[in-house]
Amino acid sequence: MVSLTHLEAALAAVDSEVKALLYDTSLSLTIKDEKMLPLLRESKVLKQAYEDLCYLRDNPPTSAGTCKVGQYRED
């Protein structure tokens, strides 16, 4: 899946930004926290999307066939 490759690249980019902030000694801890919080949230979302796509790749959904909603509808 091409999307997995893109997610891996995005995760690597976010991780490198987080590491750069951690090793930047010119920033105070408050500024580091303010800059890292959105990056860590983004990383969490990317990781969840990656895990979801990996699960779908390994366990593709089965075809449900026809829509069964109609059989419960009263006209």
PDB file of N, CA and C in Angstrom:
ATOM      1  N   MET A   1       0.833  -1.171   0.000  1.00  0.00           N
ATOM      2  CA  MET A   1       0.000   0.000   0.000  1.00  0.00           C
ATOM      3  C   MET A   1       0.883   1.240   0.000  1.00  0.00           C
ATOM      4  N   VAL A   2       0.579   2.129  -0.888  1.00  0.00           N
ATOM      5  CA  VAL A   2       1.352   3.352  -0.996  1.00  0.00           C
ATOM      6  C   VAL A   2       1.127   4.246   0.222  1.00  0.00           C
ATOM      7  N   SER A   3      -0.091   4.220   0.758  1.00  0.00           N
ATOM      8  CA  SER A   3      -0.399   5.076   1.901  1.00  0.00           C
ATOM      9  C   SER A   3       0.433   4.703   3.125  1.00  0.00           C
ATOM     10  N   LEU A   4       0.772   3.431   3.282  1.00  0.00           N
ATOM     11  CA  LEU A   4       1.630   3.029   4.397  1.00  0.00           C
ATOM     12  C   LEU A   4       3.015   3.641   4.261  1.00  0.00           C
ATOM     13  N   THR A   5       3.528   3.704   3.049  1.00  0.00           N
ATOM     14  CA  THR A   5       4.835   4.308   2.810  1.00  0.00           C
ATOM     15  C   THR A   5       4.805   5.791   3.168  1.00  0.00           C
ATOM     16  N   HIS A   6       3.726   6.467   2.791  1.00  0.00           N
ATOM     17  CA  HIS A   6       3.595   7.889   3.111  1.00  0.00           C
ATOM     18  C   HIS A   6       3.469   8.112   4.617  1.00  0.00           C
ATOM     19  N   LEU A   7       2.734   7.239   5.281  1.00  0.00           N
ATOM     20  CA  LEU A   7       2.602   7.357   6.736  1.00  0.00           C
ATOM     21  C   LEU A   7       3.936   7.106   7.432  1.00  0.00           C
ATOM     22  N   GLU A   8       4.702   6.145   6.944  1.00  0.00           N
ATOM     23  CA  GLU A   8       6.023   5.892   7.525  1.00  0.00           C
ATOM     24  C   GLU A   8       6.932   7.108   7.368  1.00  0.00           C
ATOM     25  N   ALA A   9       6.881   7.737   6.199  1.00  0.00           N
ATOM     26  CA  ALA A   9       7.687   8.935   5.968  1.00  0.00           C
ATOM     27  C   ALA A   9       7.242  10.075   6.869  1.00  0.00           C
ATOM     28  N   ALA A  10       5.935  10.232   7.045  1.00  0.00           N
ATOM     29  CA  ALA A  10       5.418  11.285   7.919  1.00  0.00           C
ATOM     30  C   ALA A  10       5.806  11.040   9.370  1.00  0.00           C
ATOM     31  N   LEU A  11       5.738   9.787   9.798  1.00  0.00           N
ATOM     32  CA  LEU A  11       6.152   9.461  11.166  1.00  0.00           C
ATOM     33  C   LEU A  11       7.635   9.741  11.387  1.00  0.00           C
ATOM     34  N   ALA A  12       8.451   9.404  10.407  1.00  0.00           N
ATOM     35  CA  ALA A  12       9.885   9.671  10.524  1.00  0.00           C
ATOM     36  C   ALA A  12      10.153  11.171  10.587  1.00  0.00           C
ATOM     37  N   ALA A  13       9.418  11.954   9.803  1.00  0.00           N
ATOM     38  CA  ALA A  13       9.604  13.410   9.812  1.00  0.00           C
ATOM     39  C   ALA A  13       9.199  14.011  11.153  1.00  0.00           C
ATOM     40  N   VAL A  14       8.079  13.542  11.702  1.00  0.00           N
ATOM     41  CA  VAL A  14       7.636  14.055  13.000  1.00  0.00           C
ATOM     42  C   VAL A  14       8.625  13.653  14.086  1.00  0.00           C
ATOM     43  N   ASP A  15       9.103  12.424  14.052  1.00  0.00           N
ATOM     44  CA  ASP A  15      10.080  11.969  15.042  1.00  0.00           C
ATOM     45  C   ASP A  15      11.365  12.791  14.978  1.00  0.00           C
ATOM     46  N   SER A  16      11.810  13.118  13.779  1.00  0.00           N
ATOM     47  CA  SER A  16      13.030  13.916  13.662  1.00  0.00           C
ATOM     48  C   SER A  16      12.815  15.335  14.190  1.00  0.00           C
ATOM     49  N   GLU A  17      11.608  15.889  13.991  1.00  0.00           N
ATOM     50  CA  GLU A  17      11.317  17.210  14.545  1.00  0.00           C
ATOM     51  C   GLU A  17      11.294  17.174  16.070  1.00  0.00           C
ATOM     52  N   VAL A  18      10.719  16.127  16.633  1.00  0.00           N
ATOM     53  CA  VAL A  18      10.675  15.989  18.084  1.00  0.00           C
ATOM     54  C   VAL A  18      12.092  15.858  18.643  1.00  0.00           C
ATOM     55  N   LYS A  19      12.922  15.044  18.008  1.00  0.00           N
ATOM     56  CA  LYS A  19      14.307  14.881  18.463  1.00  0.00           C
ATOM     57  C   LYS A  19      15.073  16.191  18.364  1.00  0.00           C
ATOM     58  N   ALA A  20      14.841  16.942  17.293  1.00  0.00           N
ATOM     59  CA  ALA A  20      15.521  18.228  17.136  1.00  0.00           C
ATOM     60  C   ALA A  20      15.122  19.183  18.254  1.00  0.00           C
ATOM     61  N   LEU A  21      13.852  19.169  18.626  1.00  0.00           N
ATOM     62  CA  LEU A  21      13.417  20.024  19.735  1.00  0.00           C
ATOM     63  C   LEU A  21      14.015  19.569  21.064  1.00  0.00           C
ATOM     64  N   LEU A  22      14.094  18.268  21.253  1.00  0.00           N
ATOM     65  CA  LEU A  22      14.657  17.752  22.510  1.00  0.00           C
ATOM     66  C   LEU A  22      16.117  18.144  22.687  1.00  0.00           C
ATOM     67  N   TYR A  23      16.855  18.105  21.598  1.00  0.00           N
ATOM     68  CA  TYR A  23      18.290  18.379  21.686  1.00  0.00           C
ATOM     69  C   TYR A  23      18.633  19.857  21.554  1.00  0.00           C
ATOM     70  N   ASP A  24      17.641  20.706  21.306  1.00  0.00           N
ATOM     71  CA  ASP A  24      17.887  22.139  21.181  1.00  0.00           C
ATOM     72  C   ASP A  24      18.004  22.732  22.578  1.00  0.00           C
ATOM     73  N   THR A  25      19.210  23.100  22.967  1.00  0.00           N
ATOM     74  CA  THR A  25      19.441  23.622  24.315  1.00  0.00           C
ATOM     75  C   THR A  25      19.134  25.104  24.442  1.00  0.00           C
ATOM     76  N   SER A  26      18.890  25.777  23.341  1.00  0.00           N
ATOM     77  CA  SER A  26      18.610  27.212  23.411  1.00  0.00           C
ATOM     78  C   SER A  26      17.159  27.505  23.793  1.00  0.00           C
ATOM     79  N   LEU A  27      16.303  26.500  23.749  1.00  0.00           N
ATOM     80  CA  LEU A  27      14.893  26.699  24.085  1.00  0.00           C
ATOM     81  C   LEU A  27      14.631  26.346  25.545  1.00  0.00           C
ATOM     82  N   SER A  28      13.723  27.104  26.156  1.00  0.00           N
ATOM     83  CA  SER A  28      13.325  26.779  27.524  1.00  0.00           C
ATOM     84  C   SER A  28      12.381  25.581  27.499  1.00  0.00           C
ATOM     85  N   LEU A  29      12.178  24.994  28.655  1.00  0.00           N
ATOM     86  CA  LEU A  29      11.294  23.819  28.731  1.00  0.00           C
ATOM     87  C   LEU A  29       9.857  24.175  28.379  1.00  0.00           C
ATOM     88  N   THR A  30       9.421  25.370  28.725  1.00  0.00           N
ATOM     89  CA  THR A  30       8.060  25.789  28.410  1.00  0.00           C
ATOM     90  C   THR A  30       7.852  25.882  26.905  1.00  0.00           C
ATOM     91  N   ILE A  31       8.798  26.461  26.210  1.00  0.00           N
ATOM     92  CA  ILE A  31       8.699  26.586  24.756  1.00  0.00           C
ATOM     93  C   ILE A  31       8.769  25.218  24.102  1.00  0.00           C
ATOM     94  N   LYS A  32       9.625  24.354  24.619  1.00  0.00           N
ATOM     95  CA  LYS A  32       9.706  22.993  24.085  1.00  0.00           C
ATOM     96  C   LYS A  32       8.370  22.282  24.237  1.00  0.00           C
ATOM     97  N   ASP A  33       7.754  22.442  25.412  1.00  0.00           N
ATOM     98  CA  ASP A  33       6.452  21.804  25.638  1.00  0.00           C
ATOM     99  C   ASP A  33       5.403  22.325  24.669  1.00  0.00           C
ATOM    100  N   GLU A  34       5.389  23.638  24.452  1.00  0.00           N
ATOM    101  CA  GLU A  34       4.405  24.233  23.556  1.00  0.00           C
ATOM    102  C   GLU A  34       4.589  23.761  22.115  1.00  0.00           C
ATOM    103  N   LYS A  35       5.830  23.563  21.716  1.00  0.00           N
ATOM    104  CA  LYS A  35       6.095  23.138  20.338  1.00  0.00           C
ATOM    105  C   LYS A  35       5.934  21.635  20.165  1.00  0.00           C
ATOM    106  N   MET A  36       6.199  20.874  21.222  1.00  0.00           N
ATOM    107  CA  MET A  36       6.154  19.419  21.099  1.00  0.00           C
ATOM    108  C   MET A  36       4.745  18.852  21.214  1.00  0.00           C
ATOM    109  N   LEU A  37       3.858  19.521  21.932  1.00  0.00           N
ATOM    110  CA  LEU A  37       2.517  18.982  22.130  1.00  0.00           C
ATOM    111  C   LEU A  37       1.787  18.735  20.813  1.00  0.00           C
ATOM    112  N   PRO A  38       1.743  19.689  19.882  1.00  0.00           N
ATOM    113  CA  PRO A  38       1.073  19.384  18.604  1.00  0.00           C
ATOM    114  C   PRO A  38       1.777  18.291  17.803  1.00  0.00           C
ATOM    115  N   LEU A  39       3.107  18.246  17.901  1.00  0.00           N
ATOM    116  CA  LEU A  39       3.851  17.207  17.183  1.00  0.00           C
ATOM    117  C   LEU A  39       3.537  15.826  17.742  1.00  0.00           C
ATOM    118  N   LEU A  40       3.446  15.721  19.054  1.00  0.00           N
ATOM    119  CA  LEU A  40       3.144  14.431  19.668  1.00  0.00           C
ATOM    120  C   LEU A  40       1.711  13.994  19.375  1.00  0.00           C
ATOM    121  N   ARG A  41       0.793  14.954  19.307  1.00  0.00           N
ATOM    122  CA  ARG A  41      -0.584  14.611  18.926  1.00  0.00           C
ATOM    123  C   ARG A  41      -0.622  14.115  17.485  1.00  0.00           C
ATOM    124  N   GLU A  42       0.103  14.807  16.621  1.00  0.00           N
ATOM    125  CA  GLU A  42       0.163  14.390  15.217  1.00  0.00           C
ATOM    126  C   GLU A  42       0.765  13.000  15.093  1.00  0.00           C
ATOM    127  N   SER A  43       1.802  12.747  15.867  1.00  0.00           N
ATOM    128  CA  SER A  43       2.446  11.437  15.853  1.00  0.00           C
ATOM    129  C   SER A  43       1.474  10.348  16.308  1.00  0.00           C
ATOM    130  N   LYS A  44       0.687  10.646  17.320  1.00  0.00           N
ATOM    131  CA  LYS A  44      -0.280   9.671  17.823  1.00  0.00           C
ATOM    132  C   LYS A  44      -1.326   9.337  16.755  1.00  0.00           C
ATOM    133  N   VAL A  45      -1.816  10.355  16.058  1.00  0.00           N
ATOM    134  CA  VAL A  45      -2.813  10.134  15.008  1.00  0.00           C
ATOM    135  C   VAL A  45      -2.204   9.338  13.854  1.00  0.00           C
ATOM    136  N   LEU A  46      -0.978   9.679  13.472  1.00  0.00           N
ATOM    137  CA  LEU A  46      -0.316   8.961  12.386  1.00  0.00           C
ATOM    138  C   LEU A  46      -0.074   7.496  12.744  1.00  0.00           C
ATOM    139  N   LYS A  47       0.333   7.253  13.980  1.00  0.00           N
ATOM    140  CA  LYS A  47       0.563   5.873  14.418  1.00  0.00           C
ATOM    141  C   LYS A  47      -0.730   5.070  14.403  1.00  0.00           C
ATOM    142  N   GLN A  48      -1.826   5.703  14.851  1.00  0.00           N
ATOM    143  CA  GLN A  48      -3.108   4.998  14.856  1.00  0.00           C
ATOM    144  C   GLN A  48      -3.558   4.694  13.434  1.00  0.00           C
ATOM    145  N   ALA A  49      -3.397   5.651  12.531  1.00  0.00           N
ATOM    146  CA  ALA A  49      -3.771   5.426  11.134  1.00  0.00           C
ATOM    147  C   ALA A  49      -2.919   4.324  10.528  1.00  0.00           C
ATOM    148  N   TYR A  50      -1.634   4.305  10.853  1.00  0.00           N
ATOM    149  CA  TYR A  50      -0.731   3.275  10.351  1.00  0.00           C
ATOM    150  C   TYR A  50      -1.157   1.891  10.852  1.00  0.00           C
ATOM    151  N   GLU A  51      -1.463   1.805  12.143  1.00  0.00           N
ATOM    152  CA  GLU A  51      -1.896   0.527  12.711  1.00  0.00           C
ATOM    153  C   GLU A  51      -3.209   0.063  12.086  1.00  0.00           C
ATOM    154  N   ASP A  52      -4.137   1.005  11.874  1.00  0.00           N
ATOM    155  CA  ASP A  52      -5.418   0.653  11.268  1.00  0.00           C
ATOM    156  C   ASP A  52      -5.235   0.129   9.845  1.00  0.00           C
ATOM    157  N   LEU A  53      -4.390   0.806   9.064  1.00  0.00           N
ATOM    158  CA  LEU A  53      -4.156   0.351   7.689  1.00  0.00           C
ATOM    159  C   LEU A  53      -3.430  -0.990   7.645  1.00  0.00           C
ATOM    160  N   CYS A  54      -2.509  -1.197   8.565  1.00  0.00           N
ATOM    161  CA  CYS A  54      -1.827  -2.497   8.628  1.00  0.00           C
ATOM    162  C   CYS A  54      -2.820  -3.602   8.974  1.00  0.00           C
ATOM    163  N   TYR A  55      -3.737  -3.309   9.884  1.00  0.00           N
ATOM    164  CA  TYR A  55      -4.747  -4.299  10.237  1.00  0.00           C
ATOM    165  C   TYR A  55      -5.635  -4.613   9.035  1.00  0.00           C
ATOM    166  N   LEU A  56      -6.058  -3.566   8.319  1.00  0.00           N
ATOM    167  CA  LEU A  56      -6.900  -3.794   7.141  1.00  0.00           C
ATOM    168  C   LEU A  56      -6.147  -4.531   6.038  1.00  0.00           C
ATOM    169  N   ARG A  57      -4.857  -4.267   5.925  1.00  0.00           N
ATOM    170  CA  ARG A  57      -4.058  -4.975   4.922  1.00  0.00           C
ATOM    171  C   ARG A  57      -3.975  -6.458   5.275  1.00  0.00           C
ATOM    172  N   ASP A  58      -3.759  -6.750   6.547  1.00  0.00           N
ATOM    173  CA  ASP A  58      -3.615  -8.137   6.979  1.00  0.00           C
ATOM    174  C   ASP A  58      -4.955  -8.867   7.110  1.00  0.00           C
ATOM    175  N   ASN A  59      -6.009  -8.117   7.362  1.00  0.00           N
ATOM    176  CA  ASN A  59      -7.343  -8.696   7.547  1.00  0.00           C
ATOM    177  C   ASN A  59      -8.342  -7.939   6.673  1.00  0.00           C
ATOM    178  N   PRO A  60      -8.330  -8.188   5.384  1.00  0.00           N
ATOM    179  CA  PRO A  60      -9.237  -7.444   4.505  1.00  0.00           C
ATOM    180  C   PRO A  60     -10.692  -7.769   4.842  1.00  0.00           C
ATOM    181  N   PRO A  61     -11.564  -6.769   4.725  1.00  0.00           N
ATOM    182  CA  PRO A  61     -12.972  -7.015   5.043  1.00  0.00           C
ATOM    183  C   PRO A  61     -13.589  -7.970   4.034  1.00  0.00           C
ATOM    184  N   THR A  62     -14.458  -8.790   4.543  1.00  0.00           N
ATOM    185  CA  THR A  62     -15.137  -9.729   3.658  1.00  0.00           C
ATOM    186  C   THR A  62     -16.293  -9.011   2.988  1.00  0.00           C
ATOM    187  N   SER A  63     -16.642  -9.468   1.838  1.00  0.00           N
ATOM    188  CA  SER A  63     -17.744  -8.868   1.108  1.00  0.00           C
ATOM    189  C   SER A  63     -19.044  -9.206   1.817  1.00  0.00           C
ATOM    190  N   ALA A  64     -19.785  -8.195   2.148  1.00  0.00           N
ATOM    191  CA  ALA A  64     -21.033  -8.409   2.864  1.00  0.00           C
ATOM    192  C   ALA A  64     -22.153  -8.813   1.926  1.00  0.00           C
ATOM    193  N   GLY A  65     -21.907  -8.756   0.647  1.00  0.00           N
ATOM    194  CA  GLY A  65     -22.949  -9.108  -0.310  1.00  0.00           C
ATOM    195  C   GLY A  65     -23.894  -7.946  -0.512  1.00  0.00           C
ATOM    196  N   THR A  66     -25.150  -8.254  -0.559  1.00  0.00           N
ATOM    197  CA  THR A  66     -26.130  -7.200  -0.784  1.00  0.00           C
ATOM    198  C   THR A  66     -26.442  -6.482   0.518  1.00  0.00           C
ATOM    199  N   CYS A  67     -26.958  -5.303   0.370  1.00  0.00           N
ATOM    200  CA  CYS A  67     -27.342  -4.501   1.527  1.00  0.00           C
ATOM    201  C   CYS A  67     -28.569  -5.126   2.181  1.00  0.00           C
ATOM    202  N   LYS A  68     -28.518  -5.308   3.464  1.00  0.00           N
ATOM    203  CA  LYS A  68     -29.615  -5.971   4.172  1.00  0.00           C
ATOM    204  C   LYS A  68     -30.503  -5.001   4.904  1.00  0.00           C
ATOM    205  N   VAL A  69     -30.272  -3.724   4.722  1.00  0.00           N
ATOM    206  CA  VAL A  69     -31.096  -2.736   5.408  1.00  0.00           C
ATOM    207  C   VAL A  69     -32.522  -2.791   4.893  1.00  0.00           C
ATOM    208  N   GLY A  70     -32.680  -3.038   3.602  1.00  0.00           N
ATOM    209  CA  GLY A  70     -34.000  -3.054   2.991  1.00  0.00           C
ATOM    210  C   GLY A  70     -34.933  -4.096   3.565  1.00  0.00           C
ATOM    211  N   GLN A  71     -34.422  -5.196   4.059  1.00  0.00           N
ATOM    212  CA  GLN A  71     -35.293  -6.250   4.557  1.00  0.00           C
ATOM    213  C   GLN A  71     -35.949  -5.873   5.876  1.00  0.00           C
ATOM    214  N   TYR A  72     -35.405  -4.864   6.557  1.00  0.00           N
ATOM    215  CA  TYR A  72     -35.989  -4.436   7.817  1.00  0.00           C
ATOM    216  C   TYR A  72     -36.900  -3.218   7.657  1.00  0.00           C
ATOM    217  N   ARG A  73     -36.936  -2.661   6.479  1.00  0.00           N
ATOM    218  CA  ARG A  73     -37.716  -1.459   6.249  1.00  0.00           C
ATOM    219  C   ARG A  73     -39.172  -1.812   5.983  1.00  0.00           C
ATOM    220  N   GLU A  74     -40.049  -1.023   6.576  1.00  0.00           N
ATOM    221  CA  GLU A  74     -41.478  -1.194   6.327  1.00  0.00           C
ATOM    222  C   GLU A  74     -41.904  -0.090   5.379  1.00  0.00           C
ATOM    223  N   ASP A  75     -42.472  -0.466   4.258  1.00  0.00           N
ATOM    224  CA  ASP A  75     -42.907   0.547   3.283  1.00  0.00           C
ATOM    225  C   ASP A  75     -44.250   1.107   3.601  1.00  0.00           C
TER     226      ASP A  75
END
